[in-house]
Amino acid sequence: MFDSTTLTNLIREALSHLPKVEEKRMFGGTCFMVDDKMCICISKDHLLCRIGEECAQVELEKDTCRQMINAGRVMKDYVYVDFEQIYSLKELNYWLGLALEYNPLARSSRK
């Protein structure tokens, strides 16, 4: 199992080849914005992945993540993945891949 510092560094390295990546402090951790859109965040004990509603439903059925709920509102494009679910780089790359795959379809954050 990885800790938040290690995961942040691994994701930073994995995204380093992309032209437009920005790190922001959000949701109690570090969020990686790709092309001005929130892609993946690392907090103290989970990842927040923006993978789209359809993909989120598939993953929720597998019971490998949980739905993001913010102020009582279900955030359909987002899921939380507990660090306990990330055993190796393979799992990390799986979730990062889902987030990057959805990123071109996601709407940009409000400025």
N, C-alpha and C. Protein backbone atom coordinates (compact mmCIF):
# COMPACT_ATOMS: atom_id res chain seq x y z
N MET A 1 0.85 -1.18 0.00
CA MET A 1 0.00 0.00 0.00
C MET A 1 0.89 1.25 0.00
N PHE A 2 0.46 2.25 -0.74
CA PHE A 2 1.20 3.49 -0.87
C PHE A 2 0.66 4.54 0.10
N ASP A 3 1.50 5.53 0.41
CA ASP A 3 1.02 6.67 1.19
C ASP A 3 0.79 7.84 0.23
N SER A 4 0.21 8.91 0.75
CA SER A 4 -0.17 10.04 -0.12
C SER A 4 1.03 10.70 -0.79
N THR A 5 2.14 10.82 -0.08
CA THR A 5 3.33 11.45 -0.66
C THR A 5 3.87 10.63 -1.82
N THR A 6 3.95 9.34 -1.63
CA THR A 6 4.44 8.46 -2.69
C THR A 6 3.51 8.49 -3.89
N LEU A 7 2.20 8.42 -3.66
CA LEU A 7 1.25 8.46 -4.76
C LEU A 7 1.31 9.79 -5.51
N THR A 8 1.45 10.87 -4.79
CA THR A 8 1.57 12.19 -5.43
C THR A 8 2.78 12.22 -6.35
N ASN A 9 3.90 11.73 -5.87
CA ASN A 9 5.12 11.72 -6.68
C ASN A 9 4.99 10.79 -7.88
N LEU A 10 4.37 9.63 -7.70
CA LEU A 10 4.19 8.70 -8.81
C LEU A 10 3.27 9.29 -9.88
N ILE A 11 2.20 9.94 -9.46
CA ILE A 11 1.29 10.55 -10.43
C ILE A 11 1.96 11.74 -11.11
N ARG A 12 2.68 12.53 -10.37
CA ARG A 12 3.41 13.66 -10.95
C ARG A 12 4.34 13.17 -12.05
N GLU A 13 5.05 12.10 -11.77
CA GLU A 13 5.97 11.53 -12.75
C GLU A 13 5.22 10.97 -13.96
N ALA A 14 4.11 10.28 -13.70
CA ALA A 14 3.33 9.68 -14.79
C ALA A 14 2.73 10.73 -15.72
N LEU A 15 2.43 11.91 -15.19
CA LEU A 15 1.82 12.97 -15.99
C LEU A 15 2.84 13.94 -16.58
N SER A 16 4.10 13.76 -16.26
CA SER A 16 5.13 14.73 -16.64
C SER A 16 5.29 14.89 -18.16
N HIS A 17 4.89 13.91 -18.93
CA HIS A 17 5.01 13.99 -20.39
C HIS A 17 3.89 14.80 -21.05
N LEU A 18 2.84 15.09 -20.29
CA LEU A 18 1.71 15.83 -20.85
C LEU A 18 2.00 17.33 -20.87
N PRO A 19 1.53 18.03 -21.89
CA PRO A 19 1.88 19.45 -22.02
C PRO A 19 1.21 20.39 -21.03
N LYS A 20 0.01 20.07 -20.56
CA LYS A 20 -0.72 21.03 -19.74
C LYS A 20 -1.25 20.36 -18.47
N VAL A 21 -0.36 20.28 -17.45
CA VAL A 21 -0.71 19.70 -16.16
C VAL A 21 -0.43 20.74 -15.08
N GLU A 22 -1.37 20.90 -14.19
CA GLU A 22 -1.22 21.85 -13.09
C GLU A 22 -1.63 21.16 -11.79
N GLU A 23 -0.89 21.44 -10.73
CA GLU A 23 -1.24 20.91 -9.41
C GLU A 23 -1.94 21.99 -8.61
N LYS A 24 -3.03 21.61 -7.94
CA LYS A 24 -3.77 22.55 -7.09
C LYS A 24 -4.09 21.88 -5.77
N ARG A 25 -4.15 22.66 -4.73
CA ARG A 25 -4.60 22.16 -3.43
C ARG A 25 -6.12 22.22 -3.43
N MET A 26 -6.74 21.05 -3.37
CA MET A 26 -8.20 20.96 -3.37
C MET A 26 -8.61 19.69 -2.64
N PHE A 27 -9.82 19.66 -2.13
CA PHE A 27 -10.39 18.47 -1.51
C PHE A 27 -9.46 17.88 -0.44
N GLY A 28 -8.75 18.73 0.26
CA GLY A 28 -7.86 18.28 1.33
C GLY A 28 -6.61 17.56 0.84
N GLY A 29 -6.22 17.80 -0.39
CA GLY A 29 -5.04 17.14 -0.92
C GLY A 29 -4.52 17.84 -2.15
N THR A 30 -3.82 17.09 -2.98
CA THR A 30 -3.26 17.62 -4.22
C THR A 30 -4.05 17.09 -5.39
N CYS A 31 -4.56 18.01 -6.19
CA CYS A 31 -5.30 17.64 -7.39
C CYS A 31 -4.45 17.95 -8.62
N PHE A 32 -4.53 17.05 -9.57
CA PHE A 32 -3.84 17.24 -10.83
C PHE A 32 -4.87 17.63 -11.88
N MET A 33 -4.69 18.82 -12.41
CA MET A 33 -5.55 19.34 -13.47
C MET A 33 -4.84 19.05 -14.79
N VAL A 34 -5.56 18.43 -15.71
CA VAL A 34 -5.02 18.15 -17.04
C VAL A 34 -5.89 18.90 -18.03
N ASP A 35 -5.27 19.76 -18.81
CA ASP A 35 -6.00 20.61 -19.76
C ASP A 35 -7.09 21.42 -19.07
N ASP A 36 -6.77 21.97 -17.90
CA ASP A 36 -7.68 22.81 -17.11
C ASP A 36 -8.89 22.06 -16.56
N LYS A 37 -8.79 20.73 -16.46
CA LYS A 37 -9.89 19.92 -15.92
C LYS A 37 -9.36 19.03 -14.81
N MET A 38 -10.10 18.95 -13.72
CA MET A 38 -9.70 18.10 -12.61
C MET A 38 -9.67 16.66 -13.12
N CYS A 39 -8.54 15.99 -12.91
CA CYS A 39 -8.36 14.63 -13.41
C CYS A 39 -8.30 13.62 -12.26
N ILE A 40 -7.37 13.84 -11.33
CA ILE A 40 -7.17 12.92 -10.21
C ILE A 40 -6.62 13.69 -9.02
N CYS A 41 -7.06 13.34 -7.83
CA CYS A 41 -6.60 14.00 -6.61
C CYS A 41 -6.11 12.95 -5.62
N ILE A 42 -5.16 13.35 -4.83
CA ILE A 42 -4.64 12.49 -3.77
C ILE A 42 -4.87 13.20 -2.45
N SER A 43 -5.56 12.55 -1.53
CA SER A 43 -5.72 13.11 -0.19
C SER A 43 -5.03 12.17 0.79
N LYS A 44 -5.35 12.27 2.05
CA LYS A 44 -4.60 11.51 3.05
C LYS A 44 -4.81 10.01 2.98
N ASP A 45 -5.97 9.53 2.48
CA ASP A 45 -6.20 8.09 2.47
C ASP A 45 -6.96 7.56 1.26
N HIS A 46 -7.14 8.41 0.24
CA HIS A 46 -7.84 7.95 -0.96
C HIS A 46 -7.49 8.80 -2.17
N LEU A 47 -7.76 8.23 -3.32
CA LEU A 47 -7.71 8.98 -4.58
C LEU A 47 -9.12 9.43 -4.91
N LEU A 48 -9.23 10.55 -5.54
CA LEU A 48 -10.48 11.01 -6.12
C LEU A 48 -10.26 11.00 -7.62
N CYS A 49 -10.98 10.16 -8.33
CA CYS A 49 -10.78 9.99 -9.77
C CYS A 49 -12.00 10.46 -10.52
N ARG A 50 -11.77 11.28 -11.52
CA ARG A 50 -12.85 11.74 -12.40
C ARG A 50 -12.85 10.83 -13.62
N ILE A 51 -13.78 9.88 -13.64
CA ILE A 51 -13.77 8.84 -14.68
C ILE A 51 -15.03 8.82 -15.53
N GLY A 52 -15.97 9.69 -15.25
CA GLY A 52 -17.21 9.72 -16.02
C GLY A 52 -18.27 8.82 -15.42
N GLU A 53 -19.51 9.19 -15.67
CA GLU A 53 -20.64 8.49 -15.04
C GLU A 53 -20.73 7.02 -15.44
N GLU A 54 -20.59 6.72 -16.72
CA GLU A 54 -20.71 5.33 -17.17
C GLU A 54 -19.62 4.45 -16.57
N CYS A 55 -18.41 4.91 -16.63
CA CYS A 55 -17.28 4.15 -16.09
C CYS A 55 -17.43 4.01 -14.57
N ALA A 56 -17.88 5.07 -13.92
CA ALA A 56 -18.07 5.03 -12.47
C ALA A 56 -19.07 3.94 -12.10
N GLN A 57 -20.15 3.82 -12.86
CA GLN A 57 -21.15 2.79 -12.57
C GLN A 57 -20.56 1.38 -12.68
N VAL A 58 -19.74 1.17 -13.69
CA VAL A 58 -19.09 -0.14 -13.86
C VAL A 58 -18.18 -0.43 -12.68
N GLU A 59 -17.37 0.54 -12.29
CA GLU A 59 -16.42 0.34 -11.19
C GLU A 59 -17.14 0.19 -9.85
N LEU A 60 -18.22 0.93 -9.65
CA LEU A 60 -18.98 0.80 -8.41
C LEU A 60 -19.57 -0.60 -8.28
N GLU A 61 -19.99 -1.18 -9.38
CA GLU A 61 -20.52 -2.55 -9.35
C GLU A 61 -19.45 -3.56 -8.98
N LYS A 62 -18.20 -3.27 -9.29
CA LYS A 62 -17.08 -4.15 -8.93
C LYS A 62 -16.71 -4.02 -7.46
N ASP A 63 -17.25 -2.98 -6.81
CA ASP A 63 -16.98 -2.72 -5.39
C ASP A 63 -15.51 -2.41 -5.11
N THR A 64 -14.86 -1.70 -6.05
CA THR A 64 -13.46 -1.32 -5.87
C THR A 64 -13.32 0.16 -5.53
N CYS A 65 -14.45 0.86 -5.46
CA CYS A 65 -14.43 2.29 -5.18
C CYS A 65 -15.77 2.67 -4.56
N ARG A 66 -15.90 3.96 -4.24
CA ARG A 66 -17.18 4.44 -3.71
C ARG A 66 -17.50 5.78 -4.38
N GLN A 67 -18.77 6.07 -4.48
CA GLN A 67 -19.23 7.29 -5.14
C GLN A 67 -18.85 8.53 -4.34
N MET A 68 -18.48 9.58 -5.03
CA MET A 68 -18.24 10.86 -4.37
C MET A 68 -19.59 11.52 -4.10
N ILE A 69 -19.76 11.96 -2.87
CA ILE A 69 -20.94 12.74 -2.49
C ILE A 69 -20.42 14.03 -1.87
N ASN A 70 -20.86 15.15 -2.40
CA ASN A 70 -20.40 16.46 -1.95
C ASN A 70 -21.62 17.28 -1.53
N ALA A 71 -21.67 17.65 -0.27
CA ALA A 71 -22.78 18.43 0.28
C ALA A 71 -24.13 17.75 0.00
N GLY A 72 -24.16 16.42 0.14
CA GLY A 72 -25.38 15.66 -0.06
C GLY A 72 -25.73 15.37 -1.51
N ARG A 73 -24.91 15.84 -2.42
CA ARG A 73 -25.16 15.67 -3.86
C ARG A 73 -24.21 14.63 -4.43
N VAL A 74 -24.76 13.65 -5.14
CA VAL A 74 -23.94 12.62 -5.78
C VAL A 74 -23.21 13.25 -6.97
N MET A 75 -21.91 13.08 -6.98
CA MET A 75 -21.07 13.58 -8.07
C MET A 75 -20.82 12.40 -9.00
N LYS A 76 -21.63 12.25 -10.03
CA LYS A 76 -21.70 11.04 -10.83
C LYS A 76 -20.42 10.71 -11.60
N ASP A 77 -19.62 11.71 -11.92
CA ASP A 77 -18.39 11.47 -12.69
C ASP A 77 -17.20 11.08 -11.82
N TYR A 78 -17.36 11.15 -10.51
CA TYR A 78 -16.23 11.00 -9.59
C TYR A 78 -16.39 9.80 -8.67
N VAL A 79 -15.27 9.13 -8.38
CA VAL A 79 -15.26 8.06 -7.40
C VAL A 79 -14.04 8.21 -6.48
N TYR A 80 -14.20 7.72 -5.26
CA TYR A 80 -13.10 7.62 -4.32
C TYR A 80 -12.53 6.21 -4.38
N VAL A 81 -11.22 6.10 -4.39
CA VAL A 81 -10.54 4.82 -4.34
C VAL A 81 -9.64 4.85 -3.11
N ASP A 82 -9.96 4.02 -2.13
CA ASP A 82 -9.15 3.97 -0.92
C ASP A 82 -7.76 3.43 -1.23
N PHE A 83 -6.75 3.96 -0.53
CA PHE A 83 -5.38 3.51 -0.75
C PHE A 83 -5.24 2.00 -0.60
N GLU A 84 -6.08 1.39 0.23
CA GLU A 84 -6.02 -0.07 0.44
C GLU A 84 -6.30 -0.83 -0.86
N GLN A 85 -6.95 -0.19 -1.82
CA GLN A 85 -7.25 -0.82 -3.12
C GLN A 85 -6.08 -0.70 -4.10
N ILE A 86 -5.05 0.05 -3.71
CA ILE A 86 -3.92 0.28 -4.62
C ILE A 86 -2.71 -0.47 -4.07
N TYR A 87 -2.56 -1.68 -4.58
CA TYR A 87 -1.51 -2.58 -4.09
C TYR A 87 -0.19 -2.41 -4.82
N SER A 88 -0.26 -1.92 -6.06
CA SER A 88 0.94 -1.82 -6.88
C SER A 88 0.77 -0.72 -7.92
N LEU A 89 1.80 -0.51 -8.69
CA LEU A 89 1.71 0.47 -9.78
C LEU A 89 0.64 0.07 -10.80
N LYS A 90 0.39 -1.21 -10.95
CA LYS A 90 -0.64 -1.67 -11.88
C LYS A 90 -1.99 -1.07 -11.53
N GLU A 91 -2.39 -1.13 -10.25
CA GLU A 91 -3.67 -0.57 -9.83
C GLU A 91 -3.67 0.95 -9.98
N LEU A 92 -2.58 1.59 -9.58
CA LEU A 92 -2.50 3.04 -9.71
C LEU A 92 -2.66 3.44 -11.18
N ASN A 93 -1.94 2.76 -12.06
CA ASN A 93 -2.01 3.07 -13.48
C ASN A 93 -3.39 2.80 -14.06
N TYR A 94 -4.08 1.81 -13.52
CA TYR A 94 -5.45 1.52 -13.95
C TYR A 94 -6.35 2.73 -13.70
N TRP A 95 -6.34 3.24 -12.48
CA TRP A 95 -7.20 4.37 -12.12
C TRP A 95 -6.77 5.64 -12.84
N LEU A 96 -5.48 5.86 -12.93
CA LEU A 96 -4.99 7.03 -13.65
C LEU A 96 -5.37 6.94 -15.12
N GLY A 97 -5.30 5.75 -15.69
CA GLY A 97 -5.69 5.56 -17.09
C GLY A 97 -7.15 5.87 -17.32
N LEU A 98 -8.02 5.43 -16.40
CA LEU A 98 -9.46 5.74 -16.53
C LEU A 98 -9.68 7.25 -16.48
N ALA A 99 -8.99 7.92 -15.57
CA ALA A 99 -9.15 9.37 -15.43
C ALA A 99 -8.64 10.10 -16.68
N LEU A 100 -7.51 9.67 -17.20
CA LEU A 100 -6.97 10.31 -18.41
C LEU A 100 -7.83 10.02 -19.64
N GLU A 101 -8.41 8.84 -19.69
CA GLU A 101 -9.29 8.49 -20.80
C GLU A 101 -10.54 9.37 -20.82
N TYR A 102 -11.06 9.68 -19.64
CA TYR A 102 -12.26 10.51 -19.56
C TYR A 102 -11.94 12.00 -19.73
N ASN A 103 -10.74 12.40 -19.42
CA ASN A 103 -10.38 13.82 -19.39
C ASN A 103 -10.77 14.60 -20.64
N PRO A 104 -10.56 14.11 -21.85
CA PRO A 104 -10.96 14.91 -23.04
C PRO A 104 -12.47 15.13 -23.12
N LEU A 105 -13.25 14.27 -22.50
CA LEU A 105 -14.70 14.39 -22.53
C LEU A 105 -15.25 15.28 -21.42
N ALA A 106 -14.45 15.50 -20.40
CA ALA A 106 -14.90 16.28 -19.22
C ALA A 106 -15.00 17.75 -19.56
N ARG A 107 -15.88 18.41 -18.85
CA ARG A 107 -15.99 19.86 -18.99
C ARG A 107 -14.91 20.55 -18.17
N SER A 108 -14.45 21.68 -18.65
CA SER A 108 -13.46 22.46 -17.91
C SER A 108 -14.08 23.03 -16.66
N SER A 109 -13.25 23.23 -15.65
CA SER A 109 -13.71 23.84 -14.41
C SER A 109 -14.03 25.31 -14.66
N ARG A 110 -14.95 25.80 -13.87
CA ARG A 110 -15.30 27.23 -13.96
C ARG A 110 -14.13 28.06 -13.49
N LYS A 111 -13.89 29.15 -14.16
CA LYS A 111 -12.79 30.06 -13.79
C LYS A 111 -13.28 31.08 -12.80
